[in-house]
Amino acid sequence: MPRALLTDRERDVISDPENVPAGTRTSLMSRIESKIEVMAEDAKLLRENNPELAKDLHEAVCRQEFDERADNLEAELEEVKRRLEEIETGSDSEGRDGT
């Protein structure tokens, strides 16, 4: 698999940080932060010079988070609908007769 942001070692450390000395973790995280800064510069370069590739990058990085947020919103909406239905039918937990 081609490398994007993380090396195989970095992936291993992030996946299982408890089995890595603290100094190694700290150094590795610092290196990743530096890579993210460079990636931000690369993203800006793409936005300015090749918007289509910039869009592809954005979708690749953000798609899963967007999907997870959409799923959470759908679940919350269903819960609100359920509660509203309980209120409308008078079967809410506090009762409708004030007792």
Protein backbone atom coordinates (compact mmCIF):
# COMPACT_ATOMS: atom_id res chain seq x y z
CA MET A 1 0.00 0.00 0.00
CA PRO A 2 1.41 3.42 -0.89
CA ARG A 3 2.18 5.68 2.02
CA ALA A 4 0.13 8.81 2.49
CA LEU A 5 0.51 10.51 5.83
CA LEU A 6 1.63 7.75 8.18
CA THR A 7 4.42 5.19 7.97
CA ASP A 8 3.69 1.60 8.95
CA ARG A 9 5.54 2.19 12.23
CA GLU A 10 3.49 5.30 12.97
CA ARG A 11 0.31 3.35 12.29
CA ASP A 12 1.46 0.62 14.69
CA VAL A 13 2.27 3.11 17.45
CA ILE A 14 -1.03 4.97 17.08
CA SER A 15 -2.96 1.69 17.04
CA ASP A 16 -1.23 0.31 20.14
CA PRO A 17 0.42 3.17 22.08
CA GLU A 18 0.68 1.23 25.35
CA ASN A 19 3.43 -1.00 23.93
CA VAL A 20 5.70 1.91 23.00
CA PRO A 21 7.95 3.93 25.31
CA ALA A 22 6.61 7.42 26.11
CA GLY A 23 9.60 9.15 24.51
CA THR A 24 9.08 7.28 21.26
CA ARG A 25 5.37 8.16 21.25
CA THR A 26 6.13 11.84 21.90
CA SER A 27 8.71 11.98 19.13
CA LEU A 28 6.44 10.19 16.72
CA MET A 29 3.47 12.46 17.45
CA SER A 30 5.64 15.51 16.92
CA ARG A 31 6.73 14.14 13.55
CA ILE A 32 3.11 13.52 12.56
CA GLU A 33 2.13 17.07 13.59
CA SER A 34 4.87 18.40 11.31
CA LYS A 35 3.57 16.26 8.46
CA ILE A 36 0.06 17.62 9.00
CA GLU A 37 1.40 21.18 8.73
CA VAL A 38 3.06 20.32 5.43
CA MET A 39 -0.10 18.58 4.27
CA ALA A 40 -2.07 21.79 4.97
CA GLU A 41 0.38 23.67 2.76
CA ASP A 42 -0.03 21.03 0.07
CA ALA A 43 -3.82 21.30 0.31
CA LYS A 44 -3.59 25.06 -0.15
CA LEU A 45 -1.37 24.58 -3.19
CA LEU A 46 -3.92 22.18 -4.67
CA ARG A 47 -6.82 24.56 -3.97
CA GLU A 48 -4.99 27.36 -5.72
CA ASN A 49 -3.69 25.38 -8.70
CA ASN A 50 -5.85 22.28 -9.13
CA PRO A 51 -9.26 22.67 -7.47
CA GLU A 52 -10.45 19.27 -8.69
CA LEU A 53 -7.62 17.46 -6.90
CA ALA A 54 -8.21 19.64 -3.85
CA LYS A 55 -11.84 18.55 -3.88
CA ASP A 56 -10.79 14.89 -4.15
CA LEU A 57 -8.43 15.31 -1.19
CA HIS A 58 -11.11 16.99 0.89
CA GLU A 59 -13.63 14.25 0.14
CA ALA A 60 -11.13 11.50 0.92
CA VAL A 61 -10.21 13.04 4.26
CA CYS A 62 -13.64 14.23 5.36
CA ARG A 63 -16.05 11.66 3.92
CA GLN A 64 -16.01 9.21 6.85
CA GLU A 65 -16.45 11.98 9.42
CA PHE A 66 -19.34 13.41 7.39
CA ASP A 67 -20.98 9.98 7.14
CA GLU A 68 -20.63 9.44 10.90
CA ARG A 69 -22.15 12.85 11.64
CA ALA A 70 -25.03 12.15 9.28
CA ASP A 71 -25.68 8.80 10.97
CA ASN A 72 -25.64 10.48 14.41
CA LEU A 73 -28.04 13.17 13.24
CA GLU A 74 -30.40 10.55 11.83
CA ALA A 75 -30.40 8.71 15.16
CA GLU A 76 -31.02 11.93 17.07
CA LEU A 77 -33.86 12.85 14.71
CA GLU A 78 -35.49 9.46 15.28
CA GLU A 79 -35.23 9.98 19.04
CA VAL A 80 -36.83 13.43 18.77
CA LYS A 81 -39.63 11.98 16.62
CA ARG A 82 -40.21 9.23 19.19
CA ARG A 83 -40.38 11.71 22.05
CA LEU A 84 -42.69 14.01 20.12
CA GLU A 85 -44.99 11.11 19.35
CA GLU A 86 -45.06 10.19 23.05
CA ILE A 87 -45.99 13.75 23.95
CA GLU A 88 -48.66 13.96 21.25
CA THR A 89 -50.26 10.67 22.29
CA GLY A 90 -50.07 11.48 25.99
CA SER A 91 -47.79 8.58 26.80
CA ASP A 92 -44.81 10.65 27.91
CA SER A 93 -43.10 9.55 31.11
CA GLU A 94 -44.35 12.48 33.24
CA GLY A 95 -48.00 11.86 32.45
CA ARG A 96 -50.51 14.28 30.98
CA ASP A 97 -52.77 14.70 34.03
CA GLY A 98 -50.15 16.55 36.07
CA THR A 99 -49.57 13.77 38.59
